[in-house]
């Protein structure tokens, strides 16, 4: 289970990543952020953002059109 949740459902690209970038700054290093999104672009955007920022993608799932990502803040 994630420490924090960001509900980005209904947001179109690039807003899920913009919201993720803002939210990750508010949590302590080592905590996890659960991101919920409905934008298909997030399937490639969130993993790419994690690689770019150095944060760790812990989990990625899909259920009924909702994409769920769990990201651990590394730095």
PDB file of N, CA and C in Angstrom:
ATOM      1  N   UNK A   1       0.836  -1.187   0.000  1.00  0.00           N
ATOM      2  CA  UNK A   1       0.000   0.000   0.000  1.00  0.00           C
ATOM      3  C   UNK A   1       0.882   1.253   0.000  1.00  0.00           C
ATOM      4  N   UNK A   2       0.480   2.232  -0.783  1.00  0.00           N
ATOM      5  CA  UNK A   2       1.251   3.467  -0.922  1.00  0.00           C
ATOM      6  C   UNK A   2       1.012   4.405   0.259  1.00  0.00           C
ATOM      7  N   UNK A   3       2.006   5.232   0.529  1.00  0.00           N
ATOM      8  CA  UNK A   3       1.920   6.212   1.617  1.00  0.00           C
ATOM      9  C   UNK A   3       1.009   7.387   1.265  1.00  0.00           C
ATOM     10  N   UNK A   4       0.970   7.742  -0.025  1.00  0.00           N
ATOM     11  CA  UNK A   4       0.221   8.912  -0.492  1.00  0.00           C
ATOM     12  C   UNK A   4      -0.469   8.557  -1.809  1.00  0.00           C
ATOM     13  N   UNK A   5      -1.570   9.218  -2.119  1.00  0.00           N
ATOM     14  CA  UNK A   5      -2.304   8.953  -3.354  1.00  0.00           C
ATOM     15  C   UNK A   5      -2.550  10.249  -4.113  1.00  0.00           C
ATOM     16  N   UNK A   6      -2.351  10.174  -5.429  1.00  0.00           N
ATOM     17  CA  UNK A   6      -2.667  11.269  -6.341  1.00  0.00           C
ATOM     18  C   UNK A   6      -3.728  10.767  -7.314  1.00  0.00           C
ATOM     19  N   UNK A   7      -4.881  11.388  -7.302  1.00  0.00           N
ATOM     20  CA  UNK A   7      -5.951  11.011  -8.214  1.00  0.00           C
ATOM     21  C   UNK A   7      -5.903  11.932  -9.425  1.00  0.00           C
ATOM     22  N   UNK A   8      -5.339  11.425 -10.528  1.00  0.00           N
ATOM     23  CA  UNK A   8      -5.235  12.202 -11.766  1.00  0.00           C
ATOM     24  C   UNK A   8      -6.216  11.680 -12.812  1.00  0.00           C
ATOM     25  N   UNK A   9      -7.221  10.923 -12.369  1.00  0.00           N
ATOM     26  CA  UNK A   9      -8.216  10.403 -13.310  1.00  0.00           C
ATOM     27  C   UNK A   9      -8.955  11.558 -13.962  1.00  0.00           C
ATOM     28  N   UNK A  10      -9.168  11.441 -15.268  1.00  0.00           N
ATOM     29  CA  UNK A  10      -9.861  12.482 -16.015  1.00  0.00           C
ATOM     30  C   UNK A  10      -8.945  13.579 -16.547  1.00  0.00           C
ATOM     31  N   UNK A  11      -7.696  13.560 -16.141  1.00  0.00           N
ATOM     32  CA  UNK A  11      -6.730  14.562 -16.626  1.00  0.00           C
ATOM     33  C   UNK A  11      -6.069  14.063 -17.904  1.00  0.00           C
ATOM     34  N   UNK A  12      -5.959  14.950 -18.879  1.00  0.00           N
ATOM     35  CA  UNK A  12      -5.313  14.599 -20.143  1.00  0.00           C
ATOM     36  C   UNK A  12      -3.839  14.995 -20.104  1.00  0.00           C
ATOM     37  N   UNK A  13      -3.059  14.356 -20.946  1.00  0.00           N
ATOM     38  CA  UNK A  13      -1.635  14.628 -21.072  1.00  0.00           C
ATOM     39  C   UNK A  13      -1.435  16.113 -21.329  1.00  0.00           C
ATOM     40  N   UNK A  14      -0.522  16.758 -20.664  1.00  0.00           N
ATOM     41  CA  UNK A  14       0.522  16.242 -19.783  1.00  0.00           C
ATOM     42  C   UNK A  14       0.183  16.344 -18.292  1.00  0.00           C
ATOM     43  N   UNK A  15      -1.074  16.615 -17.948  1.00  0.00           N
ATOM     44  CA  UNK A  15      -1.431  16.900 -16.560  1.00  0.00           C
ATOM     45  C   UNK A  15      -1.106  15.779 -15.556  1.00  0.00           C
ATOM     46  N   UNK A  16      -1.280  14.486 -15.887  1.00  0.00           N
ATOM     47  CA  UNK A  16      -0.900  13.474 -14.889  1.00  0.00           C
ATOM     48  C   UNK A  16       0.571  13.583 -14.465  1.00  0.00           C
ATOM     49  N   UNK A  17       1.454  13.896 -15.406  1.00  0.00           N
ATOM     50  CA  UNK A  17       2.876  14.032 -15.065  1.00  0.00           C
ATOM     51  C   UNK A  17       3.128  15.342 -14.329  1.00  0.00           C
ATOM     52  N   UNK A  18       2.471  16.399 -14.736  1.00  0.00           N
ATOM     53  CA  UNK A  18       2.618  17.681 -14.044  1.00  0.00           C
ATOM     54  C   UNK A  18       2.181  17.529 -12.584  1.00  0.00           C
ATOM     55  N   UNK A  19       1.046  16.881 -12.368  1.00  0.00           N
ATOM     56  CA  UNK A  19       0.533  16.664 -11.011  1.00  0.00           C
ATOM     57  C   UNK A  19       1.449  15.726 -10.221  1.00  0.00           C
ATOM     58  N   UNK A  20       1.992  14.716 -10.893  1.00  0.00           N
ATOM     59  CA  UNK A  20       2.914  13.790 -10.241  1.00  0.00           C
ATOM     60  C   UNK A  20       4.172  14.525  -9.793  1.00  0.00           C
ATOM     61  N   UNK A  21       4.706  15.364 -10.658  1.00  0.00           N
ATOM     62  CA  UNK A  21       5.915  16.131 -10.321  1.00  0.00           C
ATOM     63  C   UNK A  21       5.688  17.010  -9.095  1.00  0.00           C
ATOM     64  N   UNK A  22       4.527  17.645  -9.025  1.00  0.00           N
ATOM     65  CA  UNK A  22       4.210  18.499  -7.875  1.00  0.00           C
ATOM     66  C   UNK A  22       4.035  17.658  -6.610  1.00  0.00           C
ATOM     67  N   UNK A  23       3.304  16.549  -6.730  1.00  0.00           N
ATOM     68  CA  UNK A  23       2.995  15.719  -5.560  1.00  0.00           C
ATOM     69  C   UNK A  23       4.244  15.066  -4.978  1.00  0.00           C
ATOM     70  N   UNK A  24       5.158  14.618  -5.830  1.00  0.00           N
ATOM     71  CA  UNK A  24       6.352  13.907  -5.347  1.00  0.00           C
ATOM     72  C   UNK A  24       7.228  14.837  -4.503  1.00  0.00           C
ATOM     73  N   UNK A  25       7.166  16.134  -4.790  1.00  0.00           N
ATOM     74  CA  UNK A  25       7.968  17.107  -4.041  1.00  0.00           C
ATOM     75  C   UNK A  25       7.462  17.290  -2.613  1.00  0.00           C
ATOM     76  N   UNK A  26       6.217  16.904  -2.361  1.00  0.00           N
ATOM     77  CA  UNK A  26       5.620  17.132  -1.042  1.00  0.00           C
ATOM     78  C   UNK A  26       5.785  15.944  -0.091  1.00  0.00           C
ATOM     79  N   UNK A  27       6.344  14.830  -0.584  1.00  0.00           N
ATOM     80  CA  UNK A  27       6.464  13.655   0.274  1.00  0.00           C
ATOM     81  C   UNK A  27       7.927  13.391   0.630  1.00  0.00           C
ATOM     82  N   UNK A  28       8.173  12.734   1.754  1.00  0.00           N
ATOM     83  CA  UNK A  28       9.548  12.444   2.166  1.00  0.00           C
ATOM     84  C   UNK A  28      10.215  11.386   1.282  1.00  0.00           C
ATOM     85  N   UNK A  29      11.532  11.467   1.185  1.00  0.00           N
ATOM     86  CA  UNK A  29      12.306  10.437   0.472  1.00  0.00           C
ATOM     87  C   UNK A  29      12.017   9.093   1.119  1.00  0.00           C
ATOM     88  N   UNK A  30      11.793   8.082   0.290  1.00  0.00           N
ATOM     89  CA  UNK A  30      11.499   6.733   0.783  1.00  0.00           C
ATOM     90  C   UNK A  30      10.015   6.414   0.796  1.00  0.00           C
ATOM     91  N   UNK A  31       9.161   7.445   0.835  1.00  0.00           N
ATOM     92  CA  UNK A  31       7.713   7.226   0.796  1.00  0.00           C
ATOM     93  C   UNK A  31       7.282   6.866  -0.622  1.00  0.00           C
ATOM     94  N   UNK A  32       6.084   6.313  -0.730  1.00  0.00           N
ATOM     95  CA  UNK A  32       5.551   5.936  -2.031  1.00  0.00           C
ATOM     96  C   UNK A  32       4.339   6.790  -2.373  1.00  0.00           C
ATOM     97  N   UNK A  33       4.183   7.030  -3.666  1.00  0.00           N
ATOM     98  CA  UNK A  33       3.060   7.799  -4.195  1.00  0.00           C
ATOM     99  C   UNK A  33       2.289   6.905  -5.152  1.00  0.00           C
ATOM    100  N   UNK A  34       1.017   6.714  -4.866  1.00  0.00           N
ATOM    101  CA  UNK A  34       0.128   5.979  -5.769  1.00  0.00           C
ATOM    102  C   UNK A  34      -0.497   7.000  -6.713  1.00  0.00           C
ATOM    103  N   UNK A  35      -0.386   6.739  -8.009  1.00  0.00           N
ATOM    104  CA  UNK A  35      -0.944   7.634  -9.025  1.00  0.00           C
ATOM    105  C   UNK A  35      -2.054   6.883  -9.749  1.00  0.00           C
ATOM    106  N   UNK A  36      -3.230   7.468  -9.793  1.00  0.00           N
ATOM    107  CA  UNK A  36      -4.359   6.899 -10.530  1.00  0.00           C
ATOM    108  C   UNK A  36      -4.625   7.789 -11.736  1.00  0.00           C
ATOM    109  N   UNK A  37      -4.633   7.200 -12.921  1.00  0.00           N
ATOM    110  CA  UNK A  37      -4.812   7.982 -14.146  1.00  0.00           C
ATOM    111  C   UNK A  37      -5.680   7.220 -15.139  1.00  0.00           C
ATOM    112  N   UNK A  38      -6.354   7.959 -15.991  1.00  0.00           N
ATOM    113  CA  UNK A  38      -7.143   7.341 -17.056  1.00  0.00           C
ATOM    114  C   UNK A  38      -6.575   7.662 -18.440  1.00  0.00           C
ATOM    115  N   UNK A  39      -5.613   8.547 -18.497  1.00  0.00           N
ATOM    116  CA  UNK A  39      -4.978   8.919 -19.765  1.00  0.00           C
ATOM    117  C   UNK A  39      -4.027   7.809 -20.209  1.00  0.00           C
ATOM    118  N   UNK A  40      -4.275   7.241 -21.395  1.00  0.00           N
ATOM    119  CA  UNK A  40      -3.443   6.152 -21.907  1.00  0.00           C
ATOM    120  C   UNK A  40      -1.976   6.540 -22.044  1.00  0.00           C
ATOM    121  N   UNK A  41      -1.733   7.804 -22.269  1.00  0.00           N
ATOM    122  CA  UNK A  41      -0.364   8.287 -22.393  1.00  0.00           C
ATOM    123  C   UNK A  41       0.454   8.069 -21.131  1.00  0.00           C
ATOM    124  N   UNK A  42      -0.225   7.960 -20.002  1.00  0.00           N
ATOM    125  CA  UNK A  42       0.488   7.751 -18.740  1.00  0.00           C
ATOM    126  C   UNK A  42       1.204   6.413 -18.705  1.00  0.00           C
ATOM    127  N   UNK A  43       0.759   5.463 -19.524  1.00  0.00           N
ATOM    128  CA  UNK A  43       1.416   4.147 -19.576  1.00  0.00           C
ATOM    129  C   UNK A  43       2.881   4.267 -19.975  1.00  0.00           C
ATOM    130  N   UNK A  44       3.185   5.205 -20.838  1.00  0.00           N
ATOM    131  CA  UNK A  44       4.583   5.429 -21.215  1.00  0.00           C
ATOM    132  C   UNK A  44       5.181   6.621 -20.473  1.00  0.00           C
ATOM    133  N   UNK A  45       4.336   7.609 -20.142  1.00  0.00           N
ATOM    134  CA  UNK A  45       4.832   8.831 -19.512  1.00  0.00           C
ATOM    135  C   UNK A  45       5.349   8.606 -18.093  1.00  0.00           C
ATOM    136  N   UNK A  46       4.620   7.853 -17.284  1.00  0.00           N
ATOM    137  CA  UNK A  46       5.040   7.669 -15.888  1.00  0.00           C
ATOM    138  C   UNK A  46       6.358   6.893 -15.795  1.00  0.00           C
ATOM    139  N   UNK A  47       6.506   5.750 -16.497  1.00  0.00           N
ATOM    140  CA  UNK A  47       7.812   5.073 -16.442  1.00  0.00           C
ATOM    141  C   UNK A  47       8.956   5.942 -16.970  1.00  0.00           C
ATOM    142  N   UNK A  48       8.710   6.707 -18.034  1.00  0.00           N
ATOM    143  CA  UNK A  48       9.751   7.588 -18.584  1.00  0.00           C
ATOM    144  C   UNK A  48      10.097   8.682 -17.580  1.00  0.00           C
ATOM    145  N   UNK A  49       9.088   9.236 -16.913  1.00  0.00           N
ATOM    146  CA  UNK A  49       9.320  10.263 -15.900  1.00  0.00           C
ATOM    147  C   UNK A  49      10.157   9.694 -14.752  1.00  0.00           C
ATOM    148  N   UNK A  50       9.853   8.468 -14.334  1.00  0.00           N
ATOM    149  CA  UNK A  50      10.623   7.830 -13.260  1.00  0.00           C
ATOM    150  C   UNK A  50      12.085   7.676 -13.667  1.00  0.00           C
ATOM    151  N   UNK A  51      12.331   7.230 -14.877  1.00  0.00           N
ATOM    152  CA  UNK A  51      13.700   7.078 -15.371  1.00  0.00           C
ATOM    153  C   UNK A  51      14.406   8.433 -15.408  1.00  0.00           C
ATOM    154  N   UNK A  52      13.718   9.439 -15.895  1.00  0.00           N
ATOM    155  CA  UNK A  52      14.288  10.782 -16.023  1.00  0.00           C
ATOM    156  C   UNK A  52      14.614  11.399 -14.662  1.00  0.00           C
ATOM    157  N   UNK A  53      13.725  11.187 -13.680  1.00  0.00           N
ATOM    158  CA  UNK A  53      13.893  11.829 -12.371  1.00  0.00           C
ATOM    159  C   UNK A  53      14.666  10.974 -11.371  1.00  0.00           C
ATOM    160  N   UNK A  54      14.853   9.694 -11.672  1.00  0.00           N
ATOM    161  CA  UNK A  54      15.566   8.814 -10.754  1.00  0.00           C
ATOM    162  C   UNK A  54      14.692   8.198  -9.684  1.00  0.00           C
ATOM    163  N   UNK A  55      13.381   8.426  -9.744  1.00  0.00           N
ATOM    164  CA  UNK A  55      12.471   7.785  -8.794  1.00  0.00           C
ATOM    165  C   UNK A  55      12.169   6.367  -9.264  1.00  0.00           C
ATOM    166  N   UNK A  56      11.715   5.524  -8.353  1.00  0.00           N
ATOM    167  CA  UNK A  56      11.550   4.090  -8.649  1.00  0.00           C
ATOM    168  C   UNK A  56      10.087   3.746  -8.899  1.00  0.00           C
ATOM    169  N   UNK A  57       9.814   3.156 -10.064  1.00  0.00           N
ATOM    170  CA  UNK A  57       8.480   2.641 -10.347  1.00  0.00           C
ATOM    171  C   UNK A  57       8.372   1.271  -9.686  1.00  0.00           C
ATOM    172  N   UNK A  58       7.563   1.172  -8.655  1.00  0.00           N
ATOM    173  CA  UNK A  58       7.453  -0.046  -7.855  1.00  0.00           C
ATOM    174  C   UNK A  58       6.400  -0.980  -8.437  1.00  0.00           C
ATOM    175  N   UNK A  59       5.320  -0.393  -8.945  1.00  0.00           N
ATOM    176  CA  UNK A  59       4.194  -1.203  -9.413  1.00  0.00           C
ATOM    177  C   UNK A  59       3.435  -0.461 -10.492  1.00  0.00           C
ATOM    178  N   UNK A  60       2.894  -1.230 -11.449  1.00  0.00           N
ATOM    179  CA  UNK A  60       2.066  -0.654 -12.513  1.00  0.00           C
ATOM    180  C   UNK A  60       0.975  -1.656 -12.841  1.00  0.00           C
ATOM    181  N   UNK A  61      -0.290  -1.249 -12.692  1.00  0.00           N
ATOM    182  CA  UNK A  61      -1.410  -2.137 -12.985  1.00  0.00           C
ATOM    183  C   UNK A  61      -2.499  -1.353 -13.721  1.00  0.00           C
ATOM    184  N   UNK A  62      -3.454  -2.101 -14.259  1.00  0.00           N
ATOM    185  CA  UNK A  62      -4.607  -1.494 -14.921  1.00  0.00           C
ATOM    186  C   UNK A  62      -5.850  -2.245 -14.502  1.00  0.00           C
ATOM    187  N   UNK A  63      -6.917  -1.512 -14.198  1.00  0.00           N
ATOM    188  CA  UNK A  63      -8.184  -2.127 -13.828  1.00  0.00           C
ATOM    189  C   UNK A  63      -9.321  -1.260 -14.353  1.00  0.00           C
ATOM    190  N   UNK A  64     -10.079  -1.794 -15.267  1.00  0.00           N
ATOM    191  CA  UNK A  64     -11.259  -1.114 -15.821  1.00  0.00           C
ATOM    192  C   UNK A  64     -10.945   0.283 -16.354  1.00  0.00           C
ATOM    193  N   UNK A  65      -9.830   0.407 -17.058  1.00  0.00           N
ATOM    194  CA  UNK A  65      -9.473   1.677 -17.675  1.00  0.00           C
ATOM    195  C   UNK A  65      -8.780   2.668 -16.749  1.00  0.00           C
ATOM    196  N   UNK A  66      -8.496   2.248 -15.522  1.00  0.00           N
ATOM    197  CA  UNK A  66      -7.756   3.096 -14.586  1.00  0.00           C
ATOM    198  C   UNK A  66      -6.352   2.516 -14.441  1.00  0.00           C
ATOM    199  N   UNK A  67      -5.373   3.349 -14.742  1.00  0.00           N
ATOM    200  CA  UNK A  67      -3.975   2.941 -14.643  1.00  0.00           C
ATOM    201  C   UNK A  67      -3.462   3.347 -13.268  1.00  0.00           C
ATOM    202  N   UNK A  68      -2.848   2.393 -12.583  1.00  0.00           N
ATOM    203  CA  UNK A  68      -2.346   2.639 -11.221  1.00  0.00           C
ATOM    204  C   UNK A  68      -0.840   2.441 -11.218  1.00  0.00           C
ATOM    205  N   UNK A  69      -0.149   3.426 -10.716  1.00  0.00           N
ATOM    206  CA  UNK A  69       1.306   3.379 -10.605  1.00  0.00           C
ATOM    207  C   UNK A  69       1.671   3.638  -9.150  1.00  0.00           C
ATOM    208  N   UNK A  70       2.678   2.943  -8.671  1.00  0.00           N
ATOM    209  CA  UNK A  70       3.229   3.229  -7.346  1.00  0.00           C
ATOM    210  C   UNK A  70       4.691   3.605  -7.556  1.00  0.00           C
ATOM    211  N   UNK A  71       5.040   4.804  -7.118  1.00  0.00           N
ATOM    212  CA  UNK A  71       6.387   5.346  -7.309  1.00  0.00           C
ATOM    213  C   UNK A  71       7.013   5.618  -5.943  1.00  0.00           C
ATOM    214  N   UNK A  72       8.238   5.141  -5.760  1.00  0.00           N
ATOM    215  CA  UNK A  72       8.974   5.426  -4.524  1.00  0.00           C
ATOM    216  C   UNK A  72       9.885   6.627  -4.777  1.00  0.00           C
ATOM    217  N   UNK A  73       9.793   7.621  -3.893  1.00  0.00           N
ATOM    218  CA  UNK A  73      10.653   8.800  -4.013  1.00  0.00           C
ATOM    219  C   UNK A  73      12.065   8.418  -3.570  1.00  0.00           C
ATOM    220  N   UNK A  74      13.009   8.590  -4.474  1.00  0.00           N
ATOM    221  CA  UNK A  74      14.382   8.205  -4.214  1.00  0.00           C
ATOM    222  C   UNK A  74      15.235   9.413  -3.832  1.00  0.00           C
ATOM    223  N   UNK A  75      15.002  10.531  -4.481  1.00  0.00           N
ATOM    224  CA  UNK A  75      15.839  11.710  -4.189  1.00  0.00           C
ATOM    225  C   UNK A  75      14.995  12.969  -4.124  1.00  0.00           C
TER     226      UNK A  75
END
